Amino acid sequence: MMPLMFADVGESNIIKKVSGNAEVKRHLENLGFVPGGQVNIVSKNAGNLIVNVKESRIALSEEMARRIFI
C-alpha cells in the first residue's frame, strides 16, 4: 500500500484506504475516492495530480494525494 502521489501517470489503481480526519475523509469520499474504487492518474505537475475517478477528472494537491492509499 502506498500514497496515490507515488503512482505513475497512465496507471490504473484500486483505492485501498482514505486517511485523515472525518471532514477530510468525507470530502474525498464525496469526490468519489472510496475504498475499492478505481483511480487513473492523468498527469502530475510539481506534486499535484490530475486523476480520473468515477468518470470525473479531478485535480488533487500533493497533500490530498498523500491521504489516498492504493
PDB file of N, CA and C in Angstrom:
ATOM      1  N   MET A   1       0.856  -1.181   0.000  1.00  0.00           N
ATOM      2  CA  MET A   1       0.000   0.000   0.000  1.00  0.00           C
ATOM      3  C   MET A   1       0.897   1.238   0.000  1.00  0.00           C
ATOM      4  N   MET A   2       0.571   2.198  -0.885  1.00  0.00           N
ATOM      5  CA  MET A   2       1.350   3.438  -0.971  1.00  0.00           C
ATOM      6  C   MET A   2       0.420   4.603  -1.283  1.00  0.00           C
ATOM      7  N   PRO A   3       0.861   5.829  -0.957  1.00  0.00           N
ATOM      8  CA  PRO A   3       0.041   7.001  -1.276  1.00  0.00           C
ATOM      9  C   PRO A   3      -0.130   7.164  -2.790  1.00  0.00           C
ATOM     10  N   LEU A   4      -1.248   7.704  -3.189  1.00  0.00           N
ATOM     11  CA  LEU A   4      -1.573   7.907  -4.598  1.00  0.00           C
ATOM     12  C   LEU A   4      -0.518   8.731  -5.322  1.00  0.00           C
ATOM     13  N   MET A   5       0.113   9.661  -4.639  1.00  0.00           N
ATOM     14  CA  MET A   5       1.074  10.540  -5.302  1.00  0.00           C
ATOM     15  C   MET A   5       2.284   9.804  -5.871  1.00  0.00           C
ATOM     16  N   PHE A   6       2.527   8.557  -5.441  1.00  0.00           N
ATOM     17  CA  PHE A   6       3.661   7.788  -5.939  1.00  0.00           C
ATOM     18  C   PHE A   6       3.297   6.905  -7.130  1.00  0.00           C
ATOM     19  N   ALA A   7       2.048   6.920  -7.562  1.00  0.00           N
ATOM     20  CA  ALA A   7       1.625   6.137  -8.721  1.00  0.00           C
ATOM     21  C   ALA A   7       2.137   6.797  -9.997  1.00  0.00           C
ATOM     22  N   ASP A   8       2.297   6.001 -11.033  1.00  0.00           N
ATOM     23  CA  ASP A   8       2.787   6.503 -12.316  1.00  0.00           C
ATOM     24  C   ASP A   8       1.642   7.018 -13.179  1.00  0.00           C
ATOM     25  N   VAL A   9       1.952   7.986 -14.035  1.00  0.00           N
ATOM     26  CA  VAL A   9       0.972   8.537 -14.972  1.00  0.00           C
ATOM     27  C   VAL A   9       0.516   7.428 -15.920  1.00  0.00           C
ATOM     28  N   GLY A  10      -0.775   7.368 -16.163  1.00  0.00           N
ATOM     29  CA  GLY A  10      -1.351   6.365 -17.036  1.00  0.00           C
ATOM     30  C   GLY A  10      -1.697   5.066 -16.325  1.00  0.00           C
ATOM     31  N   GLU A  11      -1.323   4.968 -15.076  1.00  0.00           N
ATOM     32  CA  GLU A  11      -1.553   3.755 -14.297  1.00  0.00           C
ATOM     33  C   GLU A  11      -2.965   3.747 -13.719  1.00  0.00           C
ATOM     34  N   SER A  12      -3.603   2.594 -13.751  1.00  0.00           N
ATOM     35  CA  SER A  12      -4.916   2.419 -13.148  1.00  0.00           C
ATOM     36  C   SER A  12      -4.738   1.703 -11.816  1.00  0.00           C
ATOM     37  N   ASN A  13      -5.330   2.229 -10.755  1.00  0.00           N
ATOM     38  CA  ASN A  13      -5.151   1.678  -9.417  1.00  0.00           C
ATOM     39  C   ASN A  13      -6.478   1.540  -8.685  1.00  0.00           C
ATOM     40  N   ILE A  14      -6.493   0.661  -7.695  1.00  0.00           N
ATOM     41  CA  ILE A  14      -7.657   0.478  -6.837  1.00  0.00           C
ATOM     42  C   ILE A  14      -7.370   1.161  -5.497  1.00  0.00           C
ATOM     43  N   ILE A  15      -8.305   1.970  -5.029  1.00  0.00           N
ATOM     44  CA  ILE A  15      -8.149   2.667  -3.748  1.00  0.00           C
ATOM     45  C   ILE A  15      -8.316   1.665  -2.613  1.00  0.00           C
ATOM     46  N   LYS A  16      -7.347   1.628  -1.714  1.00  0.00           N
ATOM     47  CA  LYS A  16      -7.392   0.694  -0.589  1.00  0.00           C
ATOM     48  C   LYS A  16      -7.862   1.378   0.699  1.00  0.00           C
ATOM     49  N   LYS A  17      -7.482   2.662   0.880  1.00  0.00           N
ATOM     50  CA  LYS A  17      -7.797   3.350   2.130  1.00  0.00           C
ATOM     51  C   LYS A  17      -7.738   4.859   1.912  1.00  0.00           C
ATOM     52  N   VAL A  18      -8.585   5.586   2.645  1.00  0.00           N
ATOM     53  CA  VAL A  18      -8.553   7.051   2.658  1.00  0.00           C
ATOM     54  C   VAL A  18      -8.325   7.456   4.102  1.00  0.00           C
ATOM     55  N   SER A  19      -7.274   8.252   4.344  1.00  0.00           N
ATOM     56  CA  SER A  19      -6.944   8.650   5.715  1.00  0.00           C
ATOM     57  C   SER A  19      -7.222  10.133   5.924  1.00  0.00           C
ATOM     58  N   GLY A  20      -7.085  10.561   7.172  1.00  0.00           N
ATOM     59  CA  GLY A  20      -7.313  11.956   7.526  1.00  0.00           C
ATOM     60  C   GLY A  20      -8.423  12.068   8.552  1.00  0.00           C
ATOM     61  N   ASN A  21      -8.699  13.300   8.964  1.00  0.00           N
ATOM     62  CA  ASN A  21      -9.782  13.479   9.934  1.00  0.00           C
ATOM     63  C   ASN A  21     -11.130  13.266   9.238  1.00  0.00           C
ATOM     64  N   ALA A  22     -12.191  13.234  10.000  1.00  0.00           N
ATOM     65  CA  ALA A  22     -13.519  12.912   9.473  1.00  0.00           C
ATOM     66  C   ALA A  22     -13.938  13.856   8.344  1.00  0.00           C
ATOM     67  N   GLU A  23     -13.639  15.133   8.485  1.00  0.00           N
ATOM     68  CA  GLU A  23     -14.035  16.116   7.474  1.00  0.00           C
ATOM     69  C   GLU A  23     -13.307  15.868   6.147  1.00  0.00           C
ATOM     70  N   VAL A  24     -12.011  15.600   6.211  1.00  0.00           N
ATOM     71  CA  VAL A  24     -11.217  15.345   5.005  1.00  0.00           C
ATOM     72  C   VAL A  24     -11.675  14.053   4.342  1.00  0.00           C
ATOM     73  N   LYS A  25     -11.888  13.008   5.124  1.00  0.00           N
ATOM     74  CA  LYS A  25     -12.345  11.732   4.576  1.00  0.00           C
ATOM     75  C   LYS A  25     -13.694  11.889   3.887  1.00  0.00           C
ATOM     76  N   ARG A  26     -14.598  12.609   4.512  1.00  0.00           N
ATOM     77  CA  ARG A  26     -15.929  12.824   3.937  1.00  0.00           C
ATOM     78  C   ARG A  26     -15.814  13.598   2.616  1.00  0.00           C
ATOM     79  N   HIS A  27     -14.967  14.623   2.585  1.00  0.00           N
ATOM     80  CA  HIS A  27     -14.775  15.418   1.371  1.00  0.00           C
ATOM     81  C   HIS A  27     -14.249  14.539   0.231  1.00  0.00           C
ATOM     82  N   LEU A  28     -13.205  13.739   0.508  1.00  0.00           N
ATOM     83  CA  LEU A  28     -12.636  12.871  -0.526  1.00  0.00           C
ATOM     84  C   LEU A  28     -13.636  11.809  -0.976  1.00  0.00           C
ATOM     85  N   GLU A  29     -14.402  11.266  -0.042  1.00  0.00           N
ATOM     86  CA  GLU A  29     -15.411  10.266  -0.398  1.00  0.00           C
ATOM     87  C   GLU A  29     -16.507  10.878  -1.259  1.00  0.00           C
ATOM     88  N   ASN A  30     -16.880  12.130  -0.984  1.00  0.00           N
ATOM     89  CA  ASN A  30     -17.882  12.814  -1.807  1.00  0.00           C
ATOM     90  C   ASN A  30     -17.378  13.054  -3.229  1.00  0.00           C
ATOM     91  N   LEU A  31     -16.058  13.181  -3.385  1.00  0.00           N
ATOM     92  CA  LEU A  31     -15.472  13.342  -4.715  1.00  0.00           C
ATOM     93  C   LEU A  31     -15.368  12.011  -5.459  1.00  0.00           C
ATOM     94  N   GLY A  32     -15.555  10.899  -4.739  1.00  0.00           N
ATOM     95  CA  GLY A  32     -15.513   9.587  -5.378  1.00  0.00           C
ATOM     96  C   GLY A  32     -14.355   8.714  -4.956  1.00  0.00           C
ATOM     97  N   PHE A  33     -13.517   9.198  -4.036  1.00  0.00           N
ATOM     98  CA  PHE A  33     -12.375   8.413  -3.567  1.00  0.00           C
ATOM     99  C   PHE A  33     -12.817   7.506  -2.421  1.00  0.00           C
ATOM    100  N   VAL A  34     -13.336   6.337  -2.791  1.00  0.00           N
ATOM    101  CA  VAL A  34     -13.821   5.377  -1.802  1.00  0.00           C
ATOM    102  C   VAL A  34     -13.027   4.080  -1.943  1.00  0.00           C
ATOM    103  N   PRO A  35     -12.785   3.375  -0.837  1.00  0.00           N
ATOM    104  CA  PRO A  35     -12.078   2.095  -0.918  1.00  0.00           C
ATOM    105  C   PRO A  35     -12.770   1.145  -1.891  1.00  0.00           C
ATOM    106  N   GLY A  36     -11.972   0.521  -2.734  1.00  0.00           N
ATOM    107  CA  GLY A  36     -12.496  -0.376  -3.754  1.00  0.00           C
ATOM    108  C   GLY A  36     -12.731   0.314  -5.087  1.00  0.00           C
ATOM    109  N   GLY A  37     -12.715   1.644  -5.089  1.00  0.00           N
ATOM    110  CA  GLY A  37     -12.918   2.397  -6.327  1.00  0.00           C
ATOM    111  C   GLY A  37     -11.655   2.446  -7.163  1.00  0.00           C
ATOM    112  N   GLN A  38     -11.825   2.724  -8.442  1.00  0.00           N
ATOM    113  CA  GLN A  38     -10.700   2.792  -9.367  1.00  0.00           C
ATOM    114  C   GLN A  38     -10.312   4.243  -9.585  1.00  0.00           C
ATOM    115  N   VAL A  39      -8.995   4.487  -9.666  1.00  0.00           N
ATOM    116  CA  VAL A  39      -8.484   5.831  -9.934  1.00  0.00           C
ATOM    117  C   VAL A  39      -7.360   5.723 -10.957  1.00  0.00           C
ATOM    118  N   ASN A  40      -7.391   6.611 -11.953  1.00  0.00           N
ATOM    119  CA  ASN A  40      -6.375   6.643 -13.008  1.00  0.00           C
ATOM    120  C   ASN A  40      -5.632   7.967 -12.943  1.00  0.00           C
ATOM    121  N   ILE A  41      -4.316   7.925 -12.998  1.00  0.00           N
ATOM    122  CA  ILE A  41      -3.503   9.135 -12.981  1.00  0.00           C
ATOM    123  C   ILE A  41      -3.415   9.682 -14.405  1.00  0.00           C
ATOM    124  N   VAL A  42      -3.871  10.916 -14.612  1.00  0.00           N
ATOM    125  CA  VAL A  42      -3.837  11.551 -15.927  1.00  0.00           C
ATOM    126  C   VAL A  42      -2.533  12.318 -16.105  1.00  0.00           C
ATOM    127  N   SER A  43      -2.159  13.130 -15.094  1.00  0.00           N
ATOM    128  CA  SER A  43      -0.900  13.875 -15.177  1.00  0.00           C
ATOM    129  C   SER A  43      -0.434  14.290 -13.790  1.00  0.00           C
ATOM    130  N   LYS A  44       0.861  14.635 -13.730  1.00  0.00           N
ATOM    131  CA  LYS A  44       1.491  15.125 -12.499  1.00  0.00           C
ATOM    132  C   LYS A  44       2.218  16.418 -12.825  1.00  0.00           C
ATOM    133  N   ASN A  45       2.163  17.355 -11.886  1.00  0.00           N
ATOM    134  CA  ASN A  45       2.882  18.613 -12.065  1.00  0.00           C
ATOM    135  C   ASN A  45       3.264  19.153 -10.695  1.00  0.00           C
ATOM    136  N   ALA A  46       4.549  19.123 -10.378  1.00  0.00           N
ATOM    137  CA  ALA A  46       5.073  19.643  -9.106  1.00  0.00           C
ATOM    138  C   ALA A  46       4.376  19.019  -7.897  1.00  0.00           C
ATOM    139  N   GLY A  47       4.089  17.719  -7.975  1.00  0.00           N
ATOM    140  CA  GLY A  47       3.460  17.027  -6.855  1.00  0.00           C
ATOM    141  C   GLY A  47       1.948  17.007  -6.908  1.00  0.00           C
ATOM    142  N   ASN A  48       1.348  17.905  -7.680  1.00  0.00           N
ATOM    143  CA  ASN A  48      -0.103  17.927  -7.827  1.00  0.00           C
ATOM    144  C   ASN A  48      -0.524  16.942  -8.905  1.00  0.00           C
ATOM    145  N   LEU A  49      -1.709  16.363  -8.757  1.00  0.00           N
ATOM    146  CA  LEU A  49      -2.172  15.334  -9.680  1.00  0.00           C
ATOM    147  C   LEU A  49      -3.485  15.719 -10.332  1.00  0.00           C
ATOM    148  N   ILE A  50      -3.683  15.231 -11.540  1.00  0.00           N
ATOM    149  CA  ILE A  50      -4.996  15.232 -12.166  1.00  0.00           C
ATOM    150  C   ILE A  50      -5.338  13.769 -12.357  1.00  0.00           C
ATOM    151  N   VAL A  51      -6.508  13.368 -11.840  1.00  0.00           N
ATOM    152  CA  VAL A  51      -6.899  11.960 -11.865  1.00  0.00           C
ATOM    153  C   VAL A  51      -8.301  11.800 -12.432  1.00  0.00           C
ATOM    154  N   ASN A  52      -8.575  10.629 -12.952  1.00  0.00           N
ATOM    155  CA  ASN A  52      -9.934  10.238 -13.340  1.00  0.00           C
ATOM    156  C   ASN A  52     -10.458   9.320 -12.258  1.00  0.00           C
ATOM    157  N   VAL A  53     -11.605   9.677 -11.704  1.00  0.00           N
ATOM    158  CA  VAL A  53     -12.262   8.833 -10.715  1.00  0.00           C
ATOM    159  C   VAL A  53     -13.765   8.929 -10.952  1.00  0.00           C
ATOM    160  N   LYS A  54     -14.429   7.792 -11.056  1.00  0.00           N
ATOM    161  CA  LYS A  54     -15.879   7.743 -11.300  1.00  0.00           C
ATOM    162  C   LYS A  54     -16.294   8.651 -12.462  1.00  0.00           C
ATOM    163  N   GLU A  55     -15.616   8.519 -13.590  1.00  0.00           N
ATOM    164  CA  GLU A  55     -15.923   9.257 -14.819  1.00  0.00           C
ATOM    165  C   GLU A  55     -15.807  10.773 -14.671  1.00  0.00           C
ATOM    166  N   SER A  56     -15.041  11.237 -13.673  1.00  0.00           N
ATOM    167  CA  SER A  56     -14.785  12.668 -13.490  1.00  0.00           C
ATOM    168  C   SER A  56     -13.285  12.903 -13.451  1.00  0.00           C
ATOM    169  N   ARG A  57     -12.871  14.058 -13.912  1.00  0.00           N
ATOM    170  CA  ARG A  57     -11.466  14.444 -13.846  1.00  0.00           C
ATOM    171  C   ARG A  57     -11.322  15.429 -12.693  1.00  0.00           C
ATOM    172  N   ILE A  58     -10.419  15.113 -11.752  1.00  0.00           N
ATOM    173  CA  ILE A  58     -10.276  15.905 -10.530  1.00  0.00           C
ATOM    174  C   ILE A  58      -8.810  16.263 -10.321  1.00  0.00           C
ATOM    175  N   ALA A  59      -8.552  17.510  -9.922  1.00  0.00           N
ATOM    176  CA  ALA A  59      -7.212  17.951  -9.560  1.00  0.00           C
ATOM    177  C   ALA A  59      -7.038  17.786  -8.055  1.00  0.00           C
ATOM    178  N   LEU A  60      -5.912  17.205  -7.661  1.00  0.00           N
ATOM    179  CA  LEU A  60      -5.608  16.983  -6.245  1.00  0.00           C
ATOM    180  C   LEU A  60      -4.282  17.616  -5.891  1.00  0.00           C
ATOM    181  N   SER A  61      -4.231  18.260  -4.735  1.00  0.00           N
ATOM    182  CA  SER A  61      -2.954  18.760  -4.241  1.00  0.00           C
ATOM    183  C   SER A  61      -2.126  17.578  -3.740  1.00  0.00           C
ATOM    184  N   GLU A  62      -0.838  17.802  -3.580  1.00  0.00           N
ATOM    185  CA  GLU A  62       0.041  16.753  -3.059  1.00  0.00           C
ATOM    186  C   GLU A  62      -0.421  16.311  -1.672  1.00  0.00           C
ATOM    187  N   GLU A  63      -0.870  17.272  -0.852  1.00  0.00           N
ATOM    188  CA  GLU A  63      -1.338  16.961   0.500  1.00  0.00           C
ATOM    189  C   GLU A  63      -2.520  15.985   0.472  1.00  0.00           C
ATOM    190  N   MET A  64      -3.488  16.219  -0.415  1.00  0.00           N
ATOM    191  CA  MET A  64      -4.643  15.327  -0.514  1.00  0.00           C
ATOM    192  C   MET A  64      -4.245  13.981  -1.120  1.00  0.00           C
ATOM    193  N   ALA A  65      -3.341  13.998  -2.092  1.00  0.00           N
ATOM    194  CA  ALA A  65      -2.904  12.740  -2.718  1.00  0.00           C
ATOM    195  C   ALA A  65      -2.180  11.841  -1.729  1.00  0.00           C
ATOM    196  N   ARG A  66      -1.568  12.426  -0.707  1.00  0.00           N
ATOM    197  CA  ARG A  66      -0.884  11.630   0.321  1.00  0.00           C
ATOM    198  C   ARG A  66      -1.881  10.924   1.244  1.00  0.00           C
ATOM    199  N   ARG A  67      -3.139  11.329   1.238  1.00  0.00           N
ATOM    200  CA  ARG A  67      -4.163  10.734   2.130  1.00  0.00           C
ATOM    201  C   ARG A  67      -4.913   9.583   1.476  1.00  0.00           C
ATOM    202  N   ILE A  68      -4.696   9.384   0.180  1.00  0.00           N
ATOM    203  CA  ILE A  68      -5.372   8.312  -0.554  1.00  0.00           C
ATOM    204  C   ILE A  68      -4.350   7.210  -0.810  1.00  0.00           C
ATOM    205  N   PHE A  69      -4.647   6.018  -0.312  1.00  0.00           N
ATOM    206  CA  PHE A  69      -3.700   4.901  -0.445  1.00  0.00           C
ATOM    207  C   PHE A  69      -4.196   3.898  -1.467  1.00  0.00           C
ATOM    208  N   ILE A  70      -3.253   3.418  -2.281  1.00  0.00           N
ATOM    209  CA  ILE A  70      -3.564   2.434  -3.324  1.00  0.00           C
ATOM    210  C   ILE A  70      -2.776   1.156  -3.075  1.00  0.00           C
TER     211      ILE A  70
END
